[in-house]
Amino acid sequence: MAVIPFSIQKPLPNYAEISSVLPWLLPIALLLLIPPVFALLWGARMWSPGVTGILFLTEISVATIAAAILTDEAFGAREVLGIVLISLAGASEVISKLFRSRLK
């Protein structure tokens, strides 16, 4: 999908252009993409649904911050509020279990 042009007027890259990028693709996939995905999927079987939810929702928060940094997008109160609400939604299951266990 990375070689699909964004505009119909642009020609597809030729093989030389694509092959110049391929040596970077394998190390990035092997070192930066596959281990975290494997760890997340392995951990999802071992942990409770609440902890897994917090982990996946934390990933959304980190991706939001990283996207704002890497693309020089505005990052203001709306984004911070969204991250806080996402984090609270993920933590709500664990927090509710703690409250229920203390009330018993």
N, C-alpha and C. Protein backbone atom coordinates (compact mmCIF):
# COMPACT_ATOMS: atom_id res chain seq x y z
N MET A 1 0.82 -1.19 0.00
CA MET A 1 0.00 0.00 0.00
C MET A 1 0.86 1.25 0.00
N ALA A 2 2.10 1.14 0.43
CA ALA A 2 2.96 2.32 0.50
C ALA A 2 3.33 2.83 -0.89
N VAL A 3 3.24 1.99 -1.89
CA VAL A 3 3.61 2.44 -3.23
C VAL A 3 2.42 2.93 -4.03
N ILE A 4 1.22 2.87 -3.48
CA ILE A 4 0.05 3.38 -4.18
C ILE A 4 0.11 4.89 -4.19
N PRO A 5 0.03 5.50 -5.35
CA PRO A 5 0.12 6.97 -5.40
C PRO A 5 -1.14 7.61 -4.83
N PHE A 6 -0.98 8.78 -4.26
CA PHE A 6 -2.12 9.51 -3.69
C PHE A 6 -2.92 10.21 -4.77
N SER A 7 -2.32 10.43 -5.90
CA SER A 7 -2.99 11.10 -7.01
C SER A 7 -2.91 10.22 -8.24
N ILE A 8 -3.95 10.24 -9.04
CA ILE A 8 -3.97 9.43 -10.25
C ILE A 8 -2.96 9.94 -11.27
N GLN A 9 -2.67 11.24 -11.26
CA GLN A 9 -1.73 11.79 -12.23
C GLN A 9 -0.30 11.34 -11.99
N LYS A 10 0.04 10.95 -10.78
CA LYS A 10 1.41 10.53 -10.48
C LYS A 10 1.62 9.10 -10.97
N PRO A 11 2.74 8.84 -11.62
CA PRO A 11 3.01 7.46 -12.05
C PRO A 11 3.46 6.61 -10.86
N LEU A 12 3.28 5.31 -10.99
CA LEU A 12 3.75 4.40 -9.96
C LEU A 12 5.28 4.43 -9.92
N PRO A 13 5.86 4.26 -8.75
CA PRO A 13 7.32 4.22 -8.69
C PRO A 13 7.85 2.99 -9.43
N ASN A 14 9.01 3.14 -10.02
CA ASN A 14 9.59 2.00 -10.72
C ASN A 14 10.28 1.07 -9.72
N TYR A 15 10.76 -0.07 -10.21
CA TYR A 15 11.35 -1.07 -9.34
C TYR A 15 12.59 -0.55 -8.63
N ALA A 16 13.38 0.28 -9.28
CA ALA A 16 14.60 0.81 -8.67
C ALA A 16 14.27 1.66 -7.45
N GLU A 17 13.23 2.47 -7.55
CA GLU A 17 12.83 3.30 -6.40
C GLU A 17 12.30 2.43 -5.25
N ILE A 18 11.54 1.42 -5.58
CA ILE A 18 10.99 0.54 -4.55
C ILE A 18 12.11 -0.28 -3.90
N SER A 19 13.01 -0.82 -4.70
CA SER A 19 14.07 -1.66 -4.16
C SER A 19 15.05 -0.86 -3.30
N SER A 20 15.14 0.45 -3.50
CA SER A 20 16.03 1.25 -2.66
C SER A 20 15.48 1.39 -1.23
N VAL A 21 14.19 1.20 -1.07
CA VAL A 21 13.56 1.33 0.24
C VAL A 21 13.44 -0.02 0.95
N LEU A 22 13.45 -1.10 0.21
CA LEU A 22 13.24 -2.43 0.79
C LEU A 22 14.26 -2.82 1.85
N PRO A 23 15.55 -2.45 1.75
CA PRO A 23 16.47 -2.83 2.84
C PRO A 23 16.09 -2.23 4.20
N TRP A 24 15.37 -1.14 4.22
CA TRP A 24 14.91 -0.56 5.49
C TRP A 24 13.66 -1.25 6.01
N LEU A 25 12.88 -1.82 5.11
CA LEU A 25 11.61 -2.40 5.51
C LEU A 25 11.78 -3.63 6.40
N LEU A 26 12.66 -4.52 6.05
CA LEU A 26 12.84 -5.75 6.82
C LEU A 26 13.32 -5.49 8.25
N PRO A 27 14.38 -4.70 8.49
CA PRO A 27 14.78 -4.45 9.88
C PRO A 27 13.71 -3.72 10.69
N ILE A 28 13.01 -2.79 10.07
CA ILE A 28 11.97 -2.07 10.80
C ILE A 28 10.85 -3.03 11.19
N ALA A 29 10.45 -3.89 10.28
CA ALA A 29 9.38 -4.84 10.59
C ALA A 29 9.83 -5.83 11.65
N LEU A 30 11.06 -6.34 11.53
CA LEU A 30 11.53 -7.36 12.47
C LEU A 30 11.81 -6.80 13.86
N LEU A 31 12.28 -5.57 13.94
CA LEU A 31 12.69 -5.02 15.23
C LEU A 31 11.65 -4.11 15.89
N LEU A 32 10.89 -3.38 15.08
CA LEU A 32 9.99 -2.39 15.67
C LEU A 32 8.52 -2.76 15.61
N LEU A 33 8.12 -3.62 14.69
CA LEU A 33 6.70 -3.92 14.56
C LEU A 33 6.31 -5.29 15.11
N ILE A 34 7.03 -6.31 14.75
CA ILE A 34 6.63 -7.67 15.11
C ILE A 34 6.76 -7.95 16.62
N PRO A 35 7.86 -7.58 17.30
CA PRO A 35 7.92 -7.89 18.75
C PRO A 35 6.82 -7.24 19.59
N PRO A 36 6.51 -5.95 19.40
CA PRO A 36 5.41 -5.40 20.23
C PRO A 36 4.06 -6.05 19.94
N VAL A 37 3.78 -6.34 18.69
CA VAL A 37 2.49 -6.98 18.37
C VAL A 37 2.44 -8.37 18.98
N PHE A 38 3.54 -9.12 18.88
CA PHE A 38 3.59 -10.45 19.48
C PHE A 38 3.40 -10.36 21.00
N ALA A 39 4.06 -9.41 21.64
CA ALA A 39 3.93 -9.26 23.09
C ALA A 39 2.50 -8.89 23.48
N LEU A 40 1.88 -8.01 22.73
CA LEU A 40 0.50 -7.62 23.04
C LEU A 40 -0.46 -8.79 22.88
N LEU A 41 -0.30 -9.53 21.80
CA LEU A 41 -1.22 -10.65 21.58
C LEU A 41 -0.97 -11.79 22.56
N TRP A 42 0.28 -12.03 22.94
CA TRP A 42 0.58 -13.05 23.94
C TRP A 42 0.03 -12.62 25.30
N GLY A 43 0.25 -11.37 25.65
CA GLY A 43 -0.20 -10.87 26.95
C GLY A 43 -1.70 -10.82 27.08
N ALA A 44 -2.39 -10.59 25.97
CA ALA A 44 -3.85 -10.52 26.03
C ALA A 44 -4.46 -11.83 26.49
N ARG A 45 -3.81 -12.95 26.21
CA ARG A 45 -4.31 -14.25 26.67
C ARG A 45 -4.05 -14.47 28.15
N MET A 46 -3.01 -13.85 28.69
CA MET A 46 -2.58 -14.11 30.06
C MET A 46 -3.21 -13.17 31.08
N TRP A 47 -3.51 -11.95 30.68
CA TRP A 47 -4.00 -10.93 31.61
C TRP A 47 -5.51 -10.89 31.65
N SER A 48 -6.01 -10.18 32.64
CA SER A 48 -7.45 -9.99 32.73
C SER A 48 -7.91 -9.01 31.64
N PRO A 49 -9.18 -9.01 31.30
CA PRO A 49 -9.66 -8.08 30.28
C PRO A 49 -9.46 -6.61 30.64
N GLY A 50 -9.53 -6.29 31.92
CA GLY A 50 -9.32 -4.91 32.33
C GLY A 50 -7.90 -4.43 32.07
N VAL A 51 -6.94 -5.24 32.42
CA VAL A 51 -5.54 -4.88 32.19
C VAL A 51 -5.24 -4.82 30.70
N THR A 52 -5.79 -5.76 29.94
CA THR A 52 -5.59 -5.74 28.49
C THR A 52 -6.21 -4.49 27.89
N GLY A 53 -7.38 -4.11 28.37
CA GLY A 53 -8.01 -2.88 27.88
C GLY A 53 -7.19 -1.65 28.17
N ILE A 54 -6.63 -1.57 29.36
CA ILE A 54 -5.77 -0.44 29.71
C ILE A 54 -4.55 -0.41 28.80
N LEU A 55 -3.98 -1.56 28.52
CA LEU A 55 -2.81 -1.63 27.66
C LEU A 55 -3.13 -1.13 26.25
N PHE A 56 -4.22 -1.59 25.68
CA PHE A 56 -4.59 -1.16 24.34
C PHE A 56 -5.00 0.31 24.30
N LEU A 57 -5.66 0.79 25.33
CA LEU A 57 -6.05 2.20 25.37
C LEU A 57 -4.84 3.10 25.59
N THR A 58 -3.85 2.62 26.32
CA THR A 58 -2.61 3.38 26.48
C THR A 58 -1.90 3.50 25.15
N GLU A 59 -2.00 2.47 24.33
CA GLU A 59 -1.40 2.52 22.99
C GLU A 59 -2.03 3.65 22.17
N ILE A 60 -3.33 3.85 22.30
CA ILE A 60 -3.99 4.93 21.58
C ILE A 60 -3.47 6.28 22.07
N SER A 61 -3.29 6.43 23.37
CA SER A 61 -2.80 7.70 23.92
C SER A 61 -1.38 7.99 23.44
N VAL A 62 -0.53 6.99 23.46
CA VAL A 62 0.85 7.17 23.01
C VAL A 62 0.89 7.48 21.52
N ALA A 63 0.06 6.82 20.74
CA ALA A 63 0.02 7.08 19.30
C ALA A 63 -0.46 8.50 19.01
N THR A 64 -1.39 9.01 19.80
CA THR A 64 -1.86 10.38 19.63
C THR A 64 -0.74 11.37 19.88
N ILE A 65 0.00 11.17 20.95
CA ILE A 65 1.11 12.07 21.28
C ILE A 65 2.21 11.96 20.22
N ALA A 66 2.53 10.74 19.80
CA ALA A 66 3.57 10.56 18.79
C ALA A 66 3.18 11.18 17.46
N ALA A 67 1.93 11.04 17.07
CA ALA A 67 1.47 11.63 15.82
C ALA A 67 1.55 13.15 15.88
N ALA A 68 1.20 13.73 17.02
CA ALA A 68 1.29 15.19 17.16
C ALA A 68 2.73 15.66 17.09
N ILE A 69 3.65 14.91 17.67
CA ILE A 69 5.06 15.31 17.64
C ILE A 69 5.63 15.14 16.24
N LEU A 70 5.36 14.01 15.60
CA LEU A 70 5.96 13.71 14.31
C LEU A 70 5.40 14.54 13.17
N THR A 71 4.17 15.00 13.29
CA THR A 71 3.55 15.74 12.19
C THR A 71 3.41 17.23 12.48
N ASP A 72 3.90 17.68 13.63
CA ASP A 72 3.80 19.08 14.03
C ASP A 72 2.35 19.58 14.04
N GLU A 73 1.44 18.71 14.42
CA GLU A 73 0.04 19.09 14.55
C GLU A 73 -0.17 19.79 15.89
N ALA A 74 -1.26 20.51 15.95
CA ALA A 74 -1.60 21.19 17.20
C ALA A 74 -1.96 20.15 18.26
N PHE A 75 -1.49 20.37 19.46
CA PHE A 75 -1.78 19.47 20.58
C PHE A 75 -2.19 20.35 21.74
N GLY A 76 -3.48 20.45 21.94
CA GLY A 76 -3.97 21.36 22.96
C GLY A 76 -4.82 20.68 24.00
N ALA A 77 -5.69 21.47 24.58
CA ALA A 77 -6.53 20.98 25.68
C ALA A 77 -7.49 19.88 25.22
N ARG A 78 -7.97 19.98 23.99
CA ARG A 78 -8.90 18.96 23.49
C ARG A 78 -8.22 17.59 23.42
N GLU A 79 -6.98 17.56 22.92
CA GLU A 79 -6.26 16.29 22.83
C GLU A 79 -5.90 15.75 24.21
N VAL A 80 -5.49 16.62 25.11
CA VAL A 80 -5.17 16.19 26.47
C VAL A 80 -6.41 15.64 27.16
N LEU A 81 -7.54 16.31 26.99
CA LEU A 81 -8.79 15.83 27.57
C LEU A 81 -9.17 14.48 26.99
N GLY A 82 -8.98 14.29 25.69
CA GLY A 82 -9.28 13.01 25.07
C GLY A 82 -8.42 11.89 25.64
N ILE A 83 -7.13 12.17 25.83
CA ILE A 83 -6.23 11.16 26.39
C ILE A 83 -6.63 10.83 27.82
N VAL A 84 -6.98 11.84 28.60
CA VAL A 84 -7.40 11.60 29.99
C VAL A 84 -8.68 10.76 30.02
N LEU A 85 -9.63 11.09 29.16
CA LEU A 85 -10.89 10.33 29.14
C LEU A 85 -10.67 8.89 28.67
N ILE A 86 -9.83 8.70 27.68
CA ILE A 86 -9.52 7.34 27.22
C ILE A 86 -8.85 6.55 28.34
N SER A 87 -7.92 7.17 29.04
CA SER A 87 -7.23 6.49 30.13
C SER A 87 -8.20 6.15 31.27
N LEU A 88 -9.08 7.07 31.60
CA LEU A 88 -10.07 6.80 32.65
C LEU A 88 -11.05 5.70 32.25
N ALA A 89 -11.41 5.66 30.97
CA ALA A 89 -12.30 4.60 30.50
C ALA A 89 -11.64 3.24 30.63
N GLY A 90 -10.37 3.17 30.31
CA GLY A 90 -9.66 1.90 30.46
C GLY A 90 -9.46 1.50 31.90
N ALA A 91 -9.19 2.47 32.74
CA ALA A 91 -8.94 2.19 34.15
C ALA A 91 -10.23 1.95 34.93
N SER A 92 -11.37 2.30 34.36
CA SER A 92 -12.63 2.19 35.11
C SER A 92 -12.94 0.76 35.52
N GLU A 93 -12.62 -0.21 34.67
CA GLU A 93 -12.92 -1.60 35.05
C GLU A 93 -12.06 -2.05 36.22
N VAL A 94 -10.80 -1.72 36.18
CA VAL A 94 -9.91 -2.12 37.27
C VAL A 94 -10.28 -1.39 38.56
N ILE A 95 -10.58 -0.11 38.45
CA ILE A 95 -10.94 0.69 39.62
C ILE A 95 -12.26 0.18 40.22
N SER A 96 -13.22 -0.16 39.35
CA SER A 96 -14.50 -0.65 39.87
C SER A 96 -14.33 -1.99 40.59
N LYS A 97 -13.43 -2.84 40.10
CA LYS A 97 -13.17 -4.10 40.80
C LYS A 97 -12.55 -3.86 42.17
N LEU A 98 -11.66 -2.87 42.26
CA LEU A 98 -11.05 -2.54 43.55
C LEU A 98 -12.10 -2.05 44.54
N PHE A 99 -13.01 -1.18 44.08
CA PHE A 99 -14.05 -0.67 44.97
C PHE A 99 -14.98 -1.79 45.41
N ARG A 100 -15.34 -2.69 44.48
CA ARG A 100 -16.23 -3.78 44.85
C ARG A 100 -15.58 -4.72 45.85
N SER A 101 -14.28 -4.99 45.70
CA SER A 101 -13.61 -5.90 46.62
C SER A 101 -13.45 -5.26 48.01
N ARG A 102 -13.32 -3.95 48.09
CA ARG A 102 -13.19 -3.30 49.40
C ARG A 102 -14.53 -3.17 50.12
N LEU A 103 -15.62 -3.14 49.36
CA LEU A 103 -16.94 -3.03 49.97
C LEU A 103 -17.41 -4.36 50.56
N LYS A 104 -16.85 -5.45 50.09
CA LYS A 104 -17.29 -6.77 50.58
C LYS A 104 -16.73 -7.11 51.91
